[in-house]
Structures are given as C-alpha cells and as structure tokens.
Protein backbone atom coordinates (compact mmCIF):
# COMPACT_ATOMS: atom_id res chain seq x y z
CA MET A 1 43.57 29.89 -4.78
CA ILE A 2 39.54 30.50 -4.46
CA ASN A 3 38.26 27.72 -1.94
CA ILE A 4 34.69 27.45 -1.84
CA ASN A 5 33.72 25.20 1.21
CA GLY A 6 31.21 24.92 4.14
CA ASP A 7 33.82 24.41 6.75
CA LEU A 8 35.82 27.76 7.68
CA ALA A 9 38.93 25.74 8.86
CA ASP A 10 39.09 23.69 5.67
CA ALA A 11 38.36 26.80 3.48
CA LEU A 12 41.43 28.60 5.01
CA HIS A 13 43.64 25.57 5.13
CA TYR A 14 45.89 27.12 2.39
CA ASN A 15 47.93 30.26 2.14
CA LYS A 16 46.86 32.93 -0.16
CA THR A 17 43.43 31.52 -0.35
CA VAL A 18 40.15 33.62 -1.09
CA ALA A 19 37.66 31.71 1.08
CA LEU A 20 34.09 31.56 0.08
CA ILE A 21 32.33 29.82 2.90
CA GLY A 22 29.10 28.16 2.08
CA ASP A 23 27.06 25.57 0.16
CA ILE A 24 28.86 25.17 -3.42
CA SER A 25 25.64 25.59 -5.24
CA ALA A 26 24.64 28.74 -3.56
CA VAL A 27 28.02 30.28 -3.70
CA THR A 28 28.51 29.49 -7.41
CA ASN A 29 25.16 30.75 -8.19
CA ARG A 30 25.84 34.10 -6.55
CA LEU A 31 29.10 34.50 -8.27
CA ALA A 32 27.39 33.80 -11.78
CA ALA A 33 24.88 36.34 -10.87
CA LYS A 34 27.43 38.99 -9.90
CA SER A 35 29.25 38.20 -13.04
CA GLY A 36 26.42 39.34 -15.33
CA SER A 37 25.77 35.73 -16.42
CA ARG A 38 22.13 35.58 -15.19
CA GLY A 39 20.98 34.23 -18.65
CA ARG A 40 23.47 31.48 -18.87
CA CYS A 41 21.77 28.78 -16.77
CA GLU A 42 23.42 25.85 -18.64
CA GLU A 43 26.64 27.38 -18.12
CA GLN A 44 26.04 27.75 -14.53
CA LYS A 45 25.13 24.12 -14.15
CA ARG A 46 28.41 23.07 -15.98
CA LEU A 47 30.50 25.26 -13.67
CA ALA A 48 28.74 23.64 -10.63
CA GLN A 49 29.14 20.11 -12.07
CA ASP A 50 32.84 20.92 -12.79
CA VAL A 51 33.50 22.01 -9.23
CA ARG A 52 31.69 19.13 -7.70
CA SER A 53 33.83 16.69 -9.95
CA GLN A 54 37.03 18.39 -8.84
CA LYS A 55 35.75 18.41 -5.25
CA SER A 56 35.22 14.56 -5.67
CA GLU A 57 38.73 14.07 -7.09
CA TRP A 58 40.27 16.04 -4.39
CA ALA A 59 38.26 14.05 -1.70
CA ALA A 60 39.45 10.79 -3.16
CA TYR A 61 43.16 12.29 -3.29
CA LYS A 62 43.11 13.05 0.41
CA ARG A 63 41.20 9.77 1.52
CA LYS A 64 43.91 7.57 -0.23
CA ARG A 65 46.61 9.55 1.67
CA PHE A 66 44.70 9.62 4.95
CA GLU A 67 44.05 5.76 4.84
CA CYS A 68 47.44 4.82 3.94
CA ALA A 69 48.80 1.71 5.84
CA PRO A 70 51.99 2.64 8.04
CA LEU A 71 55.18 2.53 6.11
CA ARG A 72 58.37 0.62 7.14
CA ASP A 73 60.95 3.40 8.18
CA GLU A 74 64.48 2.91 7.66
CA VAL A 75 65.72 5.17 10.43
CA TRP A 76 63.37 4.12 13.12
CA GLN A 77 63.38 0.32 11.87
CA LYS A 78 59.56 -0.01 12.44
CA PRO A 79 56.33 1.02 10.76
CA VAL A 80 55.41 4.50 10.99
CA LEU A 81 52.34 6.57 9.59
CA PRO A 82 52.83 8.72 6.66
CA GLN A 83 52.79 12.47 7.50
CA PRO A 84 49.08 13.07 6.16
CA ALA A 85 47.71 10.25 7.97
CA ALA A 86 49.40 11.29 11.29
CA ILE A 87 48.38 14.96 10.70
CA LYS A 88 44.74 13.78 10.24
CA ILE A 89 44.73 11.78 13.13
CA VAL A 90 45.98 14.70 15.41
CA ALA A 91 43.43 17.49 13.71
CA ASP A 92 40.38 15.05 14.12
CA PHE A 93 41.45 14.64 17.98
CA ALA A 94 41.70 18.35 18.17
CA LYS A 95 38.39 19.07 16.60
CA GLU A 96 36.74 16.34 18.91
CA ILE A 97 38.02 17.77 22.19
CA GLY A 98 37.34 21.43 20.91
CA ALA A 99 41.06 22.26 20.83
CA ALA A 100 40.28 25.25 18.38
CA LYS A 101 39.00 27.31 21.30
CA PHE A 102 42.44 27.19 22.78
CA PHE A 103 44.08 28.90 19.63
C-alpha cells in the first residue's frame, strides 16, 4: 500500500506501507514530475482528483464505523462499543495526553 498522508502515524497505520508524508497535491505533483509526465497536466489533475475522491470515501467509511452506536452484546448482556469506535476513543485520548512520547 502506498499511503500519502500529512500525519506520520496515520501514514504508517498499516503493515507493508510505503508512506509518503505531505500534502496530497504536493506529493502527487512530485511523483508525476519524477515519472516523466511533466507535460501531462490534465492527467496529474485527474490523478489528484481520484486520490481526493478515494480519501473522501475512506474518511466516510471510517466515520461510519467510529460513530456507530453501542451494540447489544449477548455475552456481556449489555451494550458495548464496536471495536473501531472503542479503539478510536483510546487513540484520541492517547494523542490528547501525548502518550506517544512514552512509546
């Protein structure tokens, strides 16, 4: 996976990721320049738009899972948060208190 992201932690979230840290437009423009497609401005714009579109879809997918209401758990016999929502709460708290400096 190639992950273009402005946040280092988010860019390295998945195993076997090539992380390209930075603004999506700046990174895709540099990639296009290195690939020899300097004269393909329209192609670069389409690529950047495709990436923005995919990023929006990914954000909506995550938001749907993070904002999920508690679900009734048959084992615990009470409502519990789904795993993505629970992990996000913990990750946000860790970022808020600066827990990353301990790892």
